[in-house]
Amino acid sequence: MKRKLTATFTFLLLLTSGAWAAEAAWWSSGSSVGYAQSQTPDDSSAKPSITDADVTPPRLTYSPNPRYPPDARAAGHQGTSILSLTVGTDGLPRDLKIVRRLDEELDNSAIAAVSIWQYQPASRRGEPVEVEIHARVRFRLYHGSNGKIAELWDRSDANDPKADWELSRDYFEGTGVPQDDQLGLQFLKMAADWNLPEAQFQMGEHFCNGQSSAPDYVSAYMWYALSKQSGGKQGEKMLKVLAAEMSAEQLGEAETRVAYWPEDPPKEP
């Protein structure tokens, strides 16, 4: 009997379509239209983090429709839930964890759907191997006033930083969505990572004002400097204010972070 390999490889899954893509969708009937979709990407975008070219990614073979909870739909809750999971050598998912939460009902629905997915397991030189992956489950409300937010989520999933910026403000302010500071900050950070200067300036404000903890002048200085570097006009004044409050060591650390900031945005998890 051949011995199965049990080494763990990590794959980065991006939202794509193609031969390896698998989707499950649910539509409600009547005027309240809801859409829930689960998708894993094709193997062209999933590469082992250990750069082992011999590993073939897992292939989704069974993906039942996720359920859109009626109460969450009625409350206007929507978005894309991101989960991490391990696909075993038997092709079954385990160790499911929410990476990006939405609300309790939607997250539980996403976990329930993904927990019974089935895969053709990943393989290395013909032998099944265990891999860690990310999966996305989309919940959308395209009807009426919810349609704008649904379209912004779609654009965000397609890596549109301006959509991330708009969603951050909507969730911070509770405009068209339930107010949610955690999601607002996540979208703000995503837009800032894409080098959107206004988002980078607001990240500076977040750390300078200590909105979630004590002020962090090093991080604030970095974001203000990046905003200026990206063409923003607001960061320069705040850089002068912070420089007067920071030690030489703090300034050196902040400037080092700016120097090593990538020109291309970091890839999504």
C-alpha atoms as a PDB file:
ATOM      1  CA  MET A   1       0.000   0.000   0.000  1.00  0.00           C
ATOM      2  CA  LYS A   2       1.312   3.430  -0.904  1.00  0.00           C
ATOM      3  CA  ARG A   3       1.820   5.781   2.019  1.00  0.00           C
ATOM      4  CA  LYS A   4      -0.084   9.038   1.805  1.00  0.00           C
ATOM      5  CA  LEU A   5       1.850  12.249   2.200  1.00  0.00           C
ATOM      6  CA  THR A   6       0.639  14.356   5.115  1.00  0.00           C
ATOM      7  CA  ALA A   7       2.767  17.478   4.716  1.00  0.00           C
ATOM      8  CA  THR A   8       0.706  20.651   4.786  1.00  0.00           C
ATOM      9  CA  PHE A   9       0.904  23.147   1.941  1.00  0.00           C
ATOM     10  CA  THR A  10      -0.772  26.535   1.901  1.00  0.00           C
ATOM     11  CA  PHE A  11      -2.526  27.892  -1.188  1.00  0.00           C
ATOM     12  CA  LEU A  12      -3.572  31.457  -1.867  1.00  0.00           C
ATOM     13  CA  LEU A  13      -7.045  31.498  -3.379  1.00  0.00           C
ATOM     14  CA  LEU A  14      -8.140  34.494  -5.416  1.00  0.00           C
ATOM     15  CA  LEU A  15     -11.569  35.116  -6.874  1.00  0.00           C
ATOM     16  CA  THR A  16     -11.418  33.883 -10.453  1.00  0.00           C
ATOM     17  CA  SER A  17     -13.298  31.656 -12.849  1.00  0.00           C
ATOM     18  CA  GLY A  18     -12.235  28.829 -15.077  1.00  0.00           C
ATOM     19  CA  ALA A  19     -11.972  25.085 -15.352  1.00  0.00           C
ATOM     20  CA  TRP A  20     -11.338  24.619 -11.639  1.00  0.00           C
ATOM     21  CA  ALA A  21     -14.032  27.047 -10.544  1.00  0.00           C
ATOM     22  CA  ALA A  22     -17.087  25.731  -8.767  1.00  0.00           C
ATOM     23  CA  GLU A  23     -20.150  27.725  -7.850  1.00  0.00           C
ATOM     24  CA  ALA A  24     -23.309  27.192  -5.882  1.00  0.00           C
ATOM     25  CA  ALA A  25     -26.043  29.795  -6.013  1.00  0.00           C
ATOM     26  CA  TRP A  26     -29.358  30.381  -4.307  1.00  0.00           C
ATOM     27  CA  TRP A  27     -32.057  32.785  -5.423  1.00  0.00           C
ATOM     28  CA  SER A  28     -35.128  33.764  -3.455  1.00  0.00           C
ATOM     29  CA  SER A  29     -38.472  34.097  -5.167  1.00  0.00           C
ATOM     30  CA  GLY A  30     -40.688  37.146  -5.134  1.00  0.00           C
ATOM     31  CA  SER A  31     -39.675  40.769  -4.798  1.00  0.00           C
ATOM     32  CA  SER A  32     -37.000  40.286  -2.120  1.00  0.00           C
ATOM     33  CA  VAL A  33     -34.156  39.017  -4.205  1.00  0.00           C
ATOM     34  CA  GLY A  34     -31.201  37.499  -2.399  1.00  0.00           C
ATOM     35  CA  TYR A  35     -28.198  35.780  -3.871  1.00  0.00           C
ATOM     36  CA  ALA A  36     -25.758  33.501  -2.109  1.00  0.00           C
ATOM     37  CA  GLN A  37     -22.782  32.089  -3.968  1.00  0.00           C
ATOM     38  CA  SER A  38     -19.813  29.997  -2.955  1.00  0.00           C
ATOM     39  CA  GLN A  39     -16.748  29.901  -5.141  1.00  0.00           C
ATOM     40  CA  THR A  40     -13.182  28.640  -5.136  1.00  0.00           C
ATOM     41  CA  PRO A  41     -10.754  29.751  -7.821  1.00  0.00           C
ATOM     42  CA  ASP A  42      -9.016  27.903 -10.580  1.00  0.00           C
ATOM     43  CA  ASP A  43      -5.561  26.430 -10.196  1.00  0.00           C
ATOM     44  CA  SER A  44      -3.979  29.154 -12.319  1.00  0.00           C
ATOM     45  CA  SER A  45      -4.077  31.531  -9.349  1.00  0.00           C
ATOM     46  CA  ALA A  46      -3.543  29.050  -6.515  1.00  0.00           C
ATOM     47  CA  LYS A  47       0.112  28.409  -5.843  1.00  0.00           C
ATOM     48  CA  PRO A  48       1.722  26.664  -2.869  1.00  0.00           C
ATOM     49  CA  SER A  49       3.339  29.151  -0.535  1.00  0.00           C
ATOM     50  CA  ILE A  50       6.397  26.892  -0.453  1.00  0.00           C
ATOM     51  CA  THR A  51       6.638  27.264  -4.265  1.00  0.00           C
ATOM     52  CA  ASP A  52       6.356  23.512  -4.820  1.00  0.00           C
ATOM     53  CA  ALA A  53       5.397  23.309  -8.491  1.00  0.00           C
ATOM     54  CA  ASP A  54       4.661  19.589  -8.131  1.00  0.00           C
ATOM     55  CA  VAL A  55       1.556  20.189  -6.000  1.00  0.00           C
ATOM     56  CA  THR A  56      -1.780  20.141  -7.841  1.00  0.00           C
ATOM     57  CA  PRO A  57      -4.457  22.205  -6.037  1.00  0.00           C
ATOM     58  CA  PRO A  58      -7.651  20.589  -4.732  1.00  0.00           C
ATOM     59  CA  ARG A  59     -10.652  20.539  -7.053  1.00  0.00           C
ATOM     60  CA  LEU A  60     -14.125  21.237  -5.710  1.00  0.00           C
ATOM     61  CA  THR A  61     -16.487  18.452  -6.765  1.00  0.00           C
ATOM     62  CA  TYR A  62     -19.552  19.067  -4.584  1.00  0.00           C
ATOM     63  CA  SER A  63     -20.755  22.474  -3.347  1.00  0.00           C
ATOM     64  CA  PRO A  64     -24.391  22.673  -2.186  1.00  0.00           C
ATOM     65  CA  ASN A  65     -26.181  25.983  -2.227  1.00  0.00           C
ATOM     66  CA  PRO A  66     -25.506  28.210   0.772  1.00  0.00           C
ATOM     67  CA  ARG A  67     -28.619  29.403   2.586  1.00  0.00           C
ATOM     68  CA  TYR A  68     -29.413  33.121   2.829  1.00  0.00           C
ATOM     69  CA  PRO A  69     -30.955  33.488   6.302  1.00  0.00           C
ATOM     70  CA  PRO A  70     -34.309  35.334   6.062  1.00  0.00           C
ATOM     71  CA  ASP A  71     -33.617  37.568   9.086  1.00  0.00           C
ATOM     72  CA  ALA A  72     -30.234  38.654   7.726  1.00  0.00           C
ATOM     73  CA  ARG A  73     -31.812  39.372   4.338  1.00  0.00           C
ATOM     74  CA  ALA A  74     -34.614  41.384   5.931  1.00  0.00           C
ATOM     75  CA  ALA A  75     -32.058  43.423   7.914  1.00  0.00           C
ATOM     76  CA  GLY A  76     -30.070  44.181   4.760  1.00  0.00           C
ATOM     77  CA  HIS A  77     -27.002  42.223   5.835  1.00  0.00           C
ATOM     78  CA  GLN A  78     -24.821  41.166   2.900  1.00  0.00           C
ATOM     79  CA  GLY A  79     -21.213  40.780   1.811  1.00  0.00           C
ATOM     80  CA  THR A  80     -18.539  38.183   1.162  1.00  0.00           C
ATOM     81  CA  SER A  81     -17.571  35.867   3.993  1.00  0.00           C
ATOM     82  CA  ILE A  82     -13.996  34.551   3.803  1.00  0.00           C
ATOM     83  CA  LEU A  83     -13.122  31.274   5.477  1.00  0.00           C
ATOM     84  CA  SER A  84      -9.912  29.337   5.969  1.00  0.00           C
ATOM     85  CA  LEU A  85     -10.044  25.556   5.928  1.00  0.00           C
ATOM     86  CA  THR A  86      -7.943  22.472   5.543  1.00  0.00           C
ATOM     87  CA  VAL A  87      -8.706  20.002   2.749  1.00  0.00           C
ATOM     88  CA  GLY A  88      -7.613  16.569   3.904  1.00  0.00           C
ATOM     89  CA  THR A  89      -6.248  13.713   1.872  1.00  0.00           C
ATOM     90  CA  ASP A  90      -9.803  12.366   1.827  1.00  0.00           C
ATOM     91  CA  GLY A  91     -11.020  15.538   0.102  1.00  0.00           C
ATOM     92  CA  LEU A  92     -13.126  16.651   3.065  1.00  0.00           C
ATOM     93  CA  PRO A  93     -12.867  20.113   4.688  1.00  0.00           C
ATOM     94  CA  ARG A  94     -12.008  20.597   8.352  1.00  0.00           C
ATOM     95  CA  ASP A  95     -10.699  23.248  10.736  1.00  0.00           C
ATOM     96  CA  LEU A  96     -13.027  25.883   9.278  1.00  0.00           C
ATOM     97  CA  LYS A  97     -12.473  29.414  10.577  1.00  0.00           C
ATOM     98  CA  ILE A  98     -13.961  32.761   9.614  1.00  0.00           C
ATOM     99  CA  VAL A  99     -11.241  35.057   8.255  1.00  0.00           C
ATOM    100  CA  ARG A 100     -13.577  37.948   7.446  1.00  0.00           C
ATOM    101  CA  ARG A 101     -16.805  38.001   9.399  1.00  0.00           C
ATOM    102  CA  LEU A 102     -20.095  39.513   8.269  1.00  0.00           C
ATOM    103  CA  ASP A 103     -22.707  38.825  10.933  1.00  0.00           C
ATOM    104  CA  GLU A 104     -23.432  35.752  13.025  1.00  0.00           C
ATOM    105  CA  GLU A 105     -26.210  34.399  10.803  1.00  0.00           C
ATOM    106  CA  LEU A 106     -24.338  34.859   7.531  1.00  0.00           C
ATOM    107  CA  ASP A 107     -21.104  33.490   8.988  1.00  0.00           C
ATOM    108  CA  ASN A 108     -22.901  30.423  10.340  1.00  0.00           C
ATOM    109  CA  SER A 109     -24.576  29.895   6.962  1.00  0.00           C
ATOM    110  CA  ALA A 110     -21.200  30.128   5.208  1.00  0.00           C
ATOM    111  CA  ILE A 111     -19.642  27.613   7.603  1.00  0.00           C
ATOM    112  CA  ALA A 112     -22.603  25.250   7.218  1.00  0.00           C
ATOM    113  CA  ALA A 113     -22.275  25.323   3.422  1.00  0.00           C
ATOM    114  CA  VAL A 114     -18.500  24.920   3.256  1.00  0.00           C
ATOM    115  CA  SER A 115     -18.445  22.185   5.917  1.00  0.00           C
ATOM    116  CA  ILE A 116     -20.130  19.733   3.529  1.00  0.00           C
ATOM    117  CA  TRP A 117     -18.163  20.633   0.418  1.00  0.00           C
ATOM    118  CA  GLN A 118     -16.215  17.790  -1.148  1.00  0.00           C
ATOM    119  CA  TYR A 119     -12.969  18.010  -3.081  1.00  0.00           C
ATOM    120  CA  GLN A 120     -10.725  15.943  -5.210  1.00  0.00           C
ATOM    121  CA  PRO A 121      -7.740  16.282  -2.852  1.00  0.00           C
ATOM    122  CA  ALA A 122      -4.562  18.115  -3.725  1.00  0.00           C
ATOM    123  CA  SER A 123      -1.760  15.877  -4.881  1.00  0.00           C
ATOM    124  CA  ARG A 124       2.000  15.841  -5.115  1.00  0.00           C
ATOM    125  CA  ARG A 125       3.585  13.447  -7.585  1.00  0.00           C
ATOM    126  CA  GLY A 126       0.359  11.465  -7.679  1.00  0.00           C
ATOM    127  CA  GLU A 127      -0.043  11.177  -3.906  1.00  0.00           C
ATOM    128  CA  PRO A 128      -2.803  13.052  -2.005  1.00  0.00           C
ATOM    129  CA  VAL A 129      -1.592  15.802   0.338  1.00  0.00           C
ATOM    130  CA  GLU A 130      -3.295  17.981   2.916  1.00  0.00           C
ATOM    131  CA  VAL A 131      -3.575  21.689   2.041  1.00  0.00           C
ATOM    132  CA  GLU A 132      -4.821  24.856   3.684  1.00  0.00           C
ATOM    133  CA  ILE A 133      -6.978  27.122   1.525  1.00  0.00           C
ATOM    134  CA  HIS A 134      -9.342  30.097   1.684  1.00  0.00           C
ATOM    135  CA  ALA A 135     -12.907  30.036   0.397  1.00  0.00           C
ATOM    136  CA  ARG A 136     -15.389  32.842  -0.219  1.00  0.00           C
ATOM    137  CA  VAL A 137     -19.138  32.737   0.223  1.00  0.00           C
ATOM    138  CA  ARG A 138     -21.035  35.681  -1.252  1.00  0.00           C
ATOM    139  CA  PHE A 139     -24.337  37.009   0.048  1.00  0.00           C
ATOM    140  CA  ARG A 140     -25.905  39.699  -2.119  1.00  0.00           C
ATOM    141  CA  LEU A 141     -29.086  41.784  -2.095  1.00  0.00           C
ATOM    142  CA  TYR A 142     -29.478  43.387  -5.512  1.00  0.00           C
ATOM    143  CA  HIS A 143     -33.048  44.579  -4.933  1.00  0.00           C
ATOM    144  CA  GLY A 144     -33.970  48.203  -4.265  1.00  0.00           C
ATOM    145  CA  SER A 145     -31.816  50.331  -1.993  1.00  0.00           C
ATOM    146  CA  ASN A 146     -29.538  47.370  -1.198  1.00  0.00           C
ATOM    147  CA  GLY A 147     -28.362  47.179  -4.815  1.00  0.00           C
ATOM    148  CA  LYS A 148     -25.714  49.918  -4.466  1.00  0.00           C
ATOM    149  CA  ILE A 149     -24.015  48.122  -1.580  1.00  0.00           C
ATOM    150  CA  ALA A 150     -24.169  44.794  -3.440  1.00  0.00           C
ATOM    151  CA  GLU A 151     -22.450  46.357  -6.450  1.00  0.00           C
ATOM    152  CA  LEU A 152     -19.764  47.886  -4.213  1.00  0.00           C
ATOM    153  CA  TRP A 153     -19.096  44.462  -2.680  1.00  0.00           C
ATOM    154  CA  ASP A 154     -18.788  42.990  -6.186  1.00  0.00           C
ATOM    155  CA  ARG A 155     -16.295  45.705  -7.133  1.00  0.00           C
ATOM    156  CA  SER A 156     -14.373  45.169  -3.914  1.00  0.00           C
ATOM    157  CA  ASP A 157     -14.138  41.445  -4.641  1.00  0.00           C
ATOM    158  CA  ALA A 158     -12.656  42.449  -8.012  1.00  0.00           C
ATOM    159  CA  ASN A 159      -9.961  44.503  -6.190  1.00  0.00           C
ATOM    160  CA  ASP A 160     -11.371  47.992  -6.776  1.00  0.00           C
ATOM    161  CA  PRO A 161      -9.837  50.282  -4.103  1.00  0.00           C
ATOM    162  CA  LYS A 162     -12.421  53.030  -4.649  1.00  0.00           C
ATOM    163  CA  ALA A 163     -15.161  50.518  -3.810  1.00  0.00           C
ATOM    164  CA  ASP A 164     -13.233  49.570  -0.658  1.00  0.00           C
ATOM    165  CA  TRP A 165     -13.030  53.272   0.238  1.00  0.00           C
ATOM    166  CA  GLU A 166     -16.767  53.794  -0.286  1.00  0.00           C
ATOM    167  CA  LEU A 167     -17.641  50.687   1.720  1.00  0.00           C
ATOM    168  CA  SER A 168     -15.385  51.785   4.566  1.00  0.00           C
ATOM    169  CA  ARG A 169     -17.290  55.055   4.875  1.00  0.00           C
ATOM    170  CA  ASP A 170     -20.660  53.320   4.550  1.00  0.00           C
ATOM    171  CA  TYR A 171     -19.873  50.865   7.358  1.00  0.00           C
ATOM    172  CA  PHE A 172     -18.342  53.501   9.630  1.00  0.00           C
ATOM    173  CA  GLU A 173     -21.380  55.759   9.185  1.00  0.00           C
ATOM    174  CA  GLY A 174     -24.070  53.079   8.848  1.00  0.00           C
ATOM    175  CA  THR A 175     -25.127  54.460   5.458  1.00  0.00           C
ATOM    176  CA  GLY A 176     -27.203  51.849   3.633  1.00  0.00           C
ATOM    177  CA  VAL A 177     -25.735  49.104   5.854  1.00  0.00           C
ATOM    178  CA  PRO A 178     -25.769  48.218   9.545  1.00  0.00           C
ATOM    179  CA  GLN A 179     -23.065  50.317  11.244  1.00  0.00           C
ATOM    180  CA  ASP A 180     -19.945  48.172  11.718  1.00  0.00           C
ATOM    181  CA  ASP A 181     -16.611  49.723  12.716  1.00  0.00           C
ATOM    182  CA  GLN A 182     -14.717  46.462  12.261  1.00  0.00           C
ATOM    183  CA  LEU A 183     -15.785  46.033   8.639  1.00  0.00           C
ATOM    184  CA  GLY A 184     -15.255  49.736   8.072  1.00  0.00           C
ATOM    185  CA  LEU A 185     -11.657  49.481   9.265  1.00  0.00           C
ATOM    186  CA  GLN A 186     -11.044  46.363   7.180  1.00  0.00           C
ATOM    187  CA  PHE A 187     -12.205  48.113   4.022  1.00  0.00           C
ATOM    188  CA  LEU A 188     -10.227  51.233   4.911  1.00  0.00           C
ATOM    189  CA  LYS A 189      -7.062  49.148   5.303  1.00  0.00           C
ATOM    190  CA  MET A 190      -7.718  47.388   1.979  1.00  0.00           C
ATOM    191  CA  ALA A 191      -8.090  50.719   0.156  1.00  0.00           C
ATOM    192  CA  ALA A 192      -4.948  52.036   1.853  1.00  0.00           C
ATOM    193  CA  ASP A 193      -3.007  48.921   0.887  1.00  0.00           C
ATOM    194  CA  TRP A 194      -3.946  49.692  -2.722  1.00  0.00           C
ATOM    195  CA  ASN A 195      -2.196  53.075  -2.269  1.00  0.00           C
ATOM    196  CA  LEU A 196      -5.362  55.181  -2.353  1.00  0.00           C
ATOM    197  CA  PRO A 197      -4.095  58.436  -0.779  1.00  0.00           C
ATOM    198  CA  GLU A 198      -7.320  59.452   0.954  1.00  0.00           C
ATOM    199  CA  ALA A 199      -7.572  56.040   2.576  1.00  0.00           C
ATOM    200  CA  GLN A 200      -3.929  56.168   3.637  1.00  0.00           C
ATOM    201  CA  PHE A 201      -4.520  59.573   5.235  1.00  0.00           C
ATOM    202  CA  GLN A 202      -7.496  58.204   7.180  1.00  0.00           C
ATOM    203  CA  MET A 203      -5.377  55.266   8.349  1.00  0.00           C
ATOM    204  CA  GLY A 204      -2.960  57.874   9.674  1.00  0.00           C
ATOM    205  CA  GLU A 205      -5.841  59.568  11.493  1.00  0.00           C
ATOM    206  CA  HIS A 206      -6.909  56.216  12.944  1.00  0.00           C
ATOM    207  CA  PHE A 207      -3.499  55.563  14.494  1.00  0.00           C
ATOM    208  CA  CYS A 208      -2.789  59.194  15.424  1.00  0.00           C
ATOM    209  CA  ASN A 209      -6.053  59.602  17.323  1.00  0.00           C
ATOM    210  CA  GLY A 210      -5.927  56.184  18.960  1.00  0.00           C
ATOM    211  CA  GLN A 211      -9.441  55.325  17.807  1.00  0.00           C
ATOM    212  CA  SER A 212      -9.129  51.660  18.840  1.00  0.00           C
ATOM    213  CA  SER A 213      -6.210  51.853  21.306  1.00  0.00           C
ATOM    214  CA  ALA A 214      -3.453  54.216  22.444  1.00  0.00           C
ATOM    215  CA  PRO A 215      -2.039  56.520  19.736  1.00  0.00           C
ATOM    216  CA  ASP A 216       0.614  54.869  17.563  1.00  0.00           C
ATOM    217  CA  TYR A 217       2.706  57.699  16.131  1.00  0.00           C
ATOM    218  CA  VAL A 218       5.043  55.435  14.165  1.00  0.00           C
ATOM    219  CA  SER A 219       2.171  53.821  12.251  1.00  0.00           C
ATOM    220  CA  ALA A 220       0.402  57.183  11.886  1.00  0.00           C
ATOM    221  CA  TYR A 221       3.537  58.803  10.456  1.00  0.00           C
ATOM    222  CA  MET A 222       3.969  55.915   8.015  1.00  0.00           C
ATOM    223  CA  TRP A 223       0.415  56.253   6.693  1.00  0.00           C
ATOM    224  CA  TYR A 224       0.589  60.054   6.429  1.00  0.00           C
ATOM    225  CA  ALA A 225       3.887  59.736   4.539  1.00  0.00           C
ATOM    226  CA  LEU A 226       2.441  57.105   2.221  1.00  0.00           C
ATOM    227  CA  SER A 227      -0.565  59.315   1.548  1.00  0.00           C
ATOM    228  CA  LYS A 228       1.743  62.155   0.554  1.00  0.00           C
ATOM    229  CA  GLN A 229       3.844  59.762  -1.528  1.00  0.00           C
ATOM    230  CA  SER A 230       0.690  58.610  -3.346  1.00  0.00           C
ATOM    231  CA  GLY A 231      -0.227  62.171  -4.274  1.00  0.00           C
ATOM    232  CA  GLY A 232      -2.390  63.191  -1.311  1.00  0.00           C
ATOM    233  CA  LYS A 233      -2.349  66.811  -0.131  1.00  0.00           C
ATOM    234  CA  GLN A 234      -3.333  66.346   3.517  1.00  0.00           C
ATOM    235  CA  GLY A 235      -0.442  64.294   4.852  1.00  0.00           C
ATOM    236  CA  GLU A 236       2.353  66.882   4.807  1.00  0.00           C
ATOM    237  CA  LYS A 237       0.925  69.052   7.602  1.00  0.00           C
ATOM    238  CA  MET A 238       0.402  66.053   9.882  1.00  0.00           C
ATOM    239  CA  LEU A 239       3.944  64.824   9.209  1.00  0.00           C
ATOM    240  CA  LYS A 240       5.299  68.083  10.633  1.00  0.00           C
ATOM    241  CA  VAL A 241       3.014  67.843  13.656  1.00  0.00           C
ATOM    242  CA  LEU A 242       4.032  64.270  14.425  1.00  0.00           C
ATOM    243  CA  ALA A 243       7.744  64.835  13.801  1.00  0.00           C
ATOM    244  CA  ALA A 244       7.747  67.341  16.668  1.00  0.00           C
ATOM    245  CA  GLU A 245       6.273  64.695  19.002  1.00  0.00           C
ATOM    246  CA  MET A 246       8.383  61.690  17.983  1.00  0.00           C
ATOM    247  CA  SER A 247      11.848  60.592  19.038  1.00  0.00           C
ATOM    248  CA  ALA A 248      14.632  60.128  16.495  1.00  0.00           C
ATOM    249  CA  GLU A 249      14.273  56.368  16.917  1.00  0.00           C
ATOM    250  CA  GLN A 250      10.551  56.492  16.191  1.00  0.00           C
ATOM    251  CA  LEU A 251      11.093  58.668  13.119  1.00  0.00           C
ATOM    252  CA  GLY A 252      13.755  56.304  11.842  1.00  0.00           C
ATOM    253  CA  GLU A 253      11.465  53.303  12.221  1.00  0.00           C
ATOM    254  CA  ALA A 254       8.584  55.079  10.470  1.00  0.00           C
ATOM    255  CA  GLU A 255      10.776  56.201   7.571  1.00  0.00           C
ATOM    256  CA  THR A 256      12.136  52.664   7.202  1.00  0.00           C
ATOM    257  CA  ARG A 257       8.595  51.311   6.911  1.00  0.00           C
ATOM    258  CA  VAL A 258       7.808  53.870   4.209  1.00  0.00           C
ATOM    259  CA  ALA A 259      11.000  53.009   2.314  1.00  0.00           C
ATOM    260  CA  TYR A 260      10.063  49.321   2.222  1.00  0.00           C
ATOM    261  CA  TRP A 261       6.414  49.868   1.302  1.00  0.00           C
ATOM    262  CA  PRO A 262       5.710  48.025  -1.983  1.00  0.00           C
ATOM    263  CA  GLU A 263       4.690  50.012  -5.030  1.00  0.00           C
ATOM    264  CA  ASP A 264       2.311  47.207  -5.982  1.00  0.00           C
ATOM    265  CA  PRO A 265      -0.466  46.480  -3.484  1.00  0.00           C
ATOM    266  CA  PRO A 266      -0.142  43.339  -1.319  1.00  0.00           C
ATOM    267  CA  LYS A 267      -2.140  40.334  -2.471  1.00  0.00           C
ATOM    268  CA  GLU A 268      -5.363  39.478  -0.657  1.00  0.00           C
ATOM    269  CA  PRO A 269      -5.482  36.529   1.729  1.00  0.00           C
END
